[in-house]
């Protein structure tokens, strides 16, 4: 059984606070990686149409033998499929690749403001939600200004906003806005990129203090902030390590030391400017 506690989304649906991401995992490897994650106790899997690994993810889910109601599967609509009808078609394609009859969370991958179609896209999400084909709907990489417009022009407040979030980009304003609106914050690239964040002396020191790894310290920081987090790895030992973060807690001194690391520095694109696809 999974030991990951749930976050209760704004529609009452429970989502595991820690899940497994498969960004940049080739489809041929995704089946093995997801199977390893499920064996390690993960029950939430995060994929996307653009990742090209929905089929491998679906095969692992099917082969796991885990009851569907114990799993939480997220996928995302890509930028080129924005618009009401295109989104409905894209969802059907994703569902077929996953081999599922519903997904637990469907996200708009980027707002792509130059297209100006994200409201129409979200209205298609509302139909999918009303039809029971998704258990919750949300967005990814949306700024508060995009969320404000979306909330003003649609009827279902997004359950989740998945954004880049790590010690160098702590997203204070976004997290505060999400909390005001009842939107859960989900962190992508929660450990940053490469070894940079994991080699910061303050994080290394906290890890040594608790007898943990730097990655476990950063993931624990996310959890104590209330973020949903989806670390990615294809290495079995790291997959197991990343879920083993519920047997210790960071104290106020630890949290303050990590809070001081914020540089508002992005690794990925800025949502106001990214319109590719």
Protein backbone atom coordinates (compact mmCIF):
# COMPACT_ATOMS: atom_id res chain seq x y z
CA UNK A 1 0.00 0.00 0.00
CA UNK A 2 1.09 3.56 -0.68
CA UNK A 3 2.15 5.63 2.32
CA UNK A 4 1.76 8.95 0.50
CA UNK A 5 -0.82 11.26 2.11
CA UNK A 6 -3.45 12.88 -0.10
CA UNK A 7 -4.19 16.49 -0.89
CA UNK A 8 -7.93 17.13 -1.01
CA UNK A 9 -8.62 19.08 -4.21
CA UNK A 10 -11.27 21.80 -4.35
CA UNK A 11 -13.88 19.35 -5.68
CA UNK A 12 -13.26 16.81 -2.91
CA UNK A 13 -11.12 14.44 -5.01
CA UNK A 14 -8.06 13.04 -3.23
CA UNK A 15 -4.71 13.35 -5.03
CA UNK A 16 -1.50 11.83 -3.66
CA UNK A 17 0.79 14.64 -2.55
CA UNK A 18 3.81 12.91 -4.07
CA UNK A 19 3.70 11.34 -7.51
CA UNK A 20 5.94 10.16 -10.31
CA UNK A 21 6.72 12.26 -13.39
CA UNK A 22 7.75 10.86 -16.77
CA UNK A 23 8.90 13.98 -18.62
CA UNK A 24 11.76 13.16 -21.03
CA UNK A 25 11.31 9.42 -20.50
CA UNK A 26 11.09 7.67 -23.90
CA UNK A 27 7.97 5.58 -24.42
CA UNK A 28 10.00 2.36 -24.52
CA UNK A 29 11.46 3.16 -21.09
CA UNK A 30 8.30 4.59 -19.56
CA UNK A 31 6.69 1.19 -19.03
CA UNK A 32 9.64 -0.03 -16.95
CA UNK A 33 10.05 3.25 -15.05
CA UNK A 34 6.35 3.51 -14.17
CA UNK A 35 6.24 -0.17 -13.18
CA UNK A 36 9.21 0.41 -10.86
CA UNK A 37 7.49 3.46 -9.37
CA UNK A 38 4.24 1.60 -8.77
CA UNK A 39 6.15 -1.22 -7.07
CA UNK A 40 7.87 1.37 -4.86
CA UNK A 41 4.50 2.69 -3.67
CA UNK A 42 3.74 5.59 -5.98
CA UNK A 43 0.08 5.77 -6.97
CA UNK A 44 0.08 9.07 -8.89
CA UNK A 45 1.61 9.17 -12.38
CA UNK A 46 2.05 12.40 -14.36
CA UNK A 47 2.39 12.27 -18.15
CA UNK A 48 1.41 14.51 -21.09
CA UNK A 49 0.57 14.22 -24.76
CA UNK A 50 3.77 15.99 -25.79
CA UNK A 51 5.93 13.59 -23.76
CA UNK A 52 5.15 10.83 -26.25
CA UNK A 53 4.97 8.20 -23.52
CA UNK A 54 1.28 7.81 -22.76
CA UNK A 55 1.28 4.32 -24.31
CA UNK A 56 4.17 3.09 -22.16
CA UNK A 57 2.61 4.66 -19.09
CA UNK A 58 -0.69 2.99 -19.84
CA UNK A 59 0.92 -0.40 -20.35
CA UNK A 60 2.57 -0.19 -16.93
CA UNK A 61 -0.69 0.81 -15.28
CA UNK A 62 -2.53 -2.07 -16.96
CA UNK A 63 0.11 -4.62 -16.00
CA UNK A 64 0.42 -3.47 -12.40
CA UNK A 65 -2.65 -5.28 -11.12
CA UNK A 66 -3.37 -2.30 -8.89
CA UNK A 67 -7.10 -1.48 -8.77
CA UNK A 68 -7.86 1.54 -10.95
CA UNK A 69 -9.49 3.40 -8.09
CA UNK A 70 -6.18 3.34 -6.19
CA UNK A 71 -4.33 5.07 -9.03
CA UNK A 72 -4.25 8.74 -9.99
CA UNK A 73 -3.28 9.42 -13.61
CA UNK A 74 -2.62 12.93 -14.94
CA UNK A 75 -2.12 13.91 -18.57
CA UNK A 76 -2.08 17.24 -20.41
CA UNK A 77 -3.30 18.75 -23.67
CA UNK A 78 -0.55 20.22 -25.84
CA UNK A 79 -0.44 23.75 -27.22
CA UNK A 80 -1.22 22.78 -30.83
CA UNK A 81 -4.54 21.26 -29.70
CA UNK A 82 -5.97 24.36 -28.02
CA UNK A 83 -9.57 25.21 -28.87
CA UNK A 84 -12.84 23.51 -27.92
CA UNK A 85 -13.16 20.81 -30.60
CA UNK A 86 -9.42 20.18 -30.94
CA UNK A 87 -9.16 19.64 -27.18
CA UNK A 88 -11.94 17.05 -27.17
CA UNK A 89 -10.21 15.17 -29.99
CA UNK A 90 -6.85 15.38 -28.20
CA UNK A 91 -8.39 13.99 -25.04
CA UNK A 92 -9.80 11.01 -26.92
CA UNK A 93 -6.35 10.35 -28.39
CA UNK A 94 -4.66 10.52 -24.99
CA UNK A 95 -7.26 8.27 -23.39
CA UNK A 96 -6.83 5.67 -26.15
CA UNK A 97 -3.03 5.72 -25.77
CA UNK A 98 -3.32 5.33 -22.01
CA UNK A 99 -5.83 2.52 -22.43
CA UNK A 100 -8.08 4.01 -19.75
CA UNK A 101 -11.75 4.91 -19.56
CA UNK A 102 -11.05 8.13 -17.63
CA UNK A 103 -8.15 10.19 -16.31
CA UNK A 104 -7.99 11.59 -12.81
CA UNK A 105 -6.58 14.99 -13.72
CA UNK A 106 -6.43 16.75 -17.11
CA UNK A 107 -4.30 19.87 -17.44
CA UNK A 108 -3.80 22.59 -20.05
CA UNK A 109 -0.03 22.26 -20.50
CA UNK A 110 0.69 25.97 -21.20
CA UNK A 111 -1.56 29.02 -21.58
CA UNK A 112 0.16 30.05 -24.86
CA UNK A 113 -1.29 33.57 -24.55
CA UNK A 114 -0.44 34.52 -28.16
CA UNK A 115 -2.97 31.90 -29.32
CA UNK A 116 -5.62 33.23 -26.92
CA UNK A 117 -7.47 29.88 -26.95
CA UNK A 118 -7.02 28.71 -23.39
CA UNK A 119 -10.51 29.77 -22.28
CA UNK A 120 -12.11 27.75 -25.12
CA UNK A 121 -9.79 24.87 -24.26
CA UNK A 122 -10.87 24.98 -20.64
CA UNK A 123 -14.55 25.01 -21.63
CA UNK A 124 -13.88 21.68 -23.35
CA UNK A 125 -12.32 20.53 -20.06
CA UNK A 126 -15.54 21.52 -18.30
CA UNK A 127 -17.52 19.28 -20.67
CA UNK A 128 -15.15 16.36 -20.06
CA UNK A 129 -15.54 16.93 -16.32
CA UNK A 130 -19.33 17.18 -16.52
CA UNK A 131 -19.40 13.96 -18.58
CA UNK A 132 -17.38 12.12 -15.93
CA UNK A 133 -14.43 11.42 -18.22
CA UNK A 134 -12.03 13.29 -15.91
CA UNK A 135 -12.24 13.47 -12.13
CA UNK A 136 -10.60 16.90 -11.88
CA UNK A 137 -9.45 19.61 -14.29
CA UNK A 138 -6.68 22.12 -14.00
CA UNK A 139 -3.84 23.94 -15.68
CA UNK A 140 -0.06 24.02 -15.88
CA UNK A 141 2.29 26.98 -16.17
CA UNK A 142 -0.50 29.53 -15.72
CA UNK A 143 0.31 32.89 -14.18
CA UNK A 144 -2.18 34.52 -11.77
CA UNK A 145 -3.30 36.83 -14.61
CA UNK A 146 -4.21 33.81 -16.77
CA UNK A 147 -6.00 32.14 -13.86
CA UNK A 148 -7.94 35.30 -13.06
CA UNK A 149 -9.27 35.47 -16.60
CA UNK A 150 -10.07 31.76 -16.66
CA UNK A 151 -11.98 31.91 -13.38
CA UNK A 152 -13.88 34.97 -14.60
CA UNK A 153 -14.98 33.38 -17.89
CA UNK A 154 -15.68 29.77 -16.86
CA UNK A 155 -17.60 28.02 -14.11
CA UNK A 156 -15.15 25.48 -12.61
CA UNK A 157 -12.17 26.79 -10.64
CA UNK A 158 -9.07 24.81 -11.66
CA UNK A 159 -8.22 22.14 -9.10
CA UNK A 160 -4.46 22.32 -9.73
CA UNK A 161 -1.85 24.60 -11.29
CA UNK A 162 1.36 22.71 -12.05
CA UNK A 163 4.25 25.17 -12.20
CA UNK A 164 8.03 25.22 -12.10
CA UNK A 165 8.88 25.37 -8.41
CA UNK A 166 12.10 24.59 -6.54
CA UNK A 167 14.37 26.32 -3.98
CA UNK A 168 15.70 28.76 -6.61
CA UNK A 169 12.15 29.59 -7.83
CA UNK A 170 9.82 29.47 -4.85
CA UNK A 171 6.82 31.17 -6.49
CA UNK A 172 5.57 32.98 -3.38
CA UNK A 173 3.04 35.19 -5.22
CA UNK A 174 1.66 32.31 -7.26
CA UNK A 175 1.29 30.04 -4.24
CA UNK A 176 -0.46 32.80 -2.31
CA UNK A 177 -2.89 33.40 -5.19
CA UNK A 178 -3.57 29.68 -5.54
CA UNK A 179 -4.33 29.42 -1.83
CA UNK A 180 -6.78 32.33 -2.04
CA UNK A 181 -8.60 30.64 -4.93
CA UNK A 182 -8.55 27.10 -3.55
CA UNK A 183 -6.16 25.86 -6.25
CA UNK A 184 -3.57 23.24 -5.30
CA UNK A 185 0.04 24.05 -6.26
CA UNK A 186 1.93 21.24 -7.99
CA UNK A 187 5.68 21.55 -8.55
CA UNK A 188 7.43 20.44 -11.72
CA UNK A 189 11.24 20.26 -11.71
CA UNK A 190 10.96 20.11 -7.91
CA UNK A 191 14.66 19.31 -7.54
CA UNK A 192 15.84 21.84 -10.09
CA UNK A 193 18.04 20.65 -12.95
CA UNK A 194 21.26 18.70 -12.82
CA UNK A 195 23.01 18.66 -9.47
CA UNK A 196 22.92 22.41 -8.83
CA UNK A 197 20.36 22.67 -6.05
CA UNK A 198 21.38 19.34 -4.55
CA UNK A 199 24.94 20.60 -4.07
CA UNK A 200 24.02 23.84 -2.28
CA UNK A 201 25.92 23.80 1.05
CA UNK A 202 22.82 24.71 3.09
CA UNK A 203 20.84 21.79 1.66
CA UNK A 204 23.78 19.39 2.02
CA UNK A 205 24.12 20.44 5.66
CA UNK A 206 20.42 19.86 6.35
CA UNK A 207 20.67 16.44 4.70
CA UNK A 208 23.62 15.49 6.91
CA UNK A 209 21.76 16.72 9.98
CA UNK A 210 18.83 14.39 9.27
CA UNK A 211 20.78 11.48 7.81
CA UNK A 212 19.01 11.98 4.49
CA UNK A 213 19.99 12.84 0.92
CA UNK A 214 19.77 16.40 -0.45
CA UNK A 215 16.97 15.26 -2.81
CA UNK A 216 14.96 13.93 0.12
CA UNK A 217 15.41 17.22 1.95
CA UNK A 218 14.14 19.26 -1.01
CA UNK A 219 11.15 16.97 -1.52
CA UNK A 220 10.36 17.14 2.19
CA UNK A 221 10.50 20.95 1.97
CA UNK A 222 7.90 20.87 -0.82
CA UNK A 223 5.62 18.58 1.17
CA UNK A 224 5.79 20.75 4.27
CA UNK A 225 4.93 23.82 2.18
CA UNK A 226 1.82 21.96 1.03
CA UNK A 227 2.95 21.52 -2.58
CA UNK A 228 2.10 18.48 -4.64
CA UNK A 229 5.36 17.17 -6.07
CA UNK A 230 6.27 14.87 -8.98
CA UNK A 231 9.97 13.95 -9.00
CA UNK A 232 11.23 12.10 -12.08
CA UNK A 233 13.89 9.41 -12.30
CA UNK A 234 14.51 6.25 -14.29
CA UNK A 235 16.99 4.93 -11.71
CA UNK A 236 15.31 2.36 -9.41
CA UNK A 237 17.31 3.39 -6.33
CA UNK A 238 16.39 7.06 -6.81
CA UNK A 239 12.75 6.21 -7.50
CA UNK A 240 12.68 4.45 -4.12
CA UNK A 241 14.65 7.22 -2.41
CA UNK A 242 12.29 9.95 -3.64
CA UNK A 243 9.24 8.39 -2.03
CA UNK A 244 11.03 7.69 1.26
CA UNK A 245 10.41 11.17 2.63
CA UNK A 246 7.70 10.57 5.23
CA UNK A 247 9.85 9.41 8.13
CA UNK A 248 11.35 12.77 9.07
CA UNK A 249 10.46 16.46 9.26
CA UNK A 250 12.35 19.67 8.66
CA UNK A 251 12.38 22.11 11.57
CA UNK A 252 11.83 25.86 11.42
CA UNK A 253 15.57 26.50 11.07
CA UNK A 254 15.77 24.13 8.08
CA UNK A 255 12.77 25.72 6.40
CA UNK A 256 14.19 29.22 6.90
CA UNK A 257 17.53 28.18 5.40
CA UNK A 258 15.83 26.83 2.27
CA UNK A 259 13.52 29.84 2.04
CA UNK A 260 16.60 32.06 1.89
CA UNK A 261 17.74 30.30 -1.32
CA UNK A 262 15.06 31.84 -3.53
CA UNK A 263 16.45 33.69 -6.56
CA UNK A 264 13.27 33.80 -8.71
CA UNK A 265 15.37 31.98 -11.30
CA UNK A 266 13.60 29.90 -13.93
CA UNK A 267 15.04 26.85 -15.64
CA UNK A 268 12.16 26.61 -18.10
CA UNK A 269 10.28 29.07 -20.28
CA UNK A 270 8.31 32.03 -18.98
CA UNK A 271 4.56 31.34 -19.32
CA UNK A 272 3.85 34.84 -20.64
CA UNK A 273 6.24 34.27 -23.54
CA UNK A 274 6.07 30.57 -24.39
CA UNK A 275 3.84 29.95 -27.43
CA UNK A 276 5.59 27.04 -29.15
CA UNK A 277 3.85 24.00 -30.56
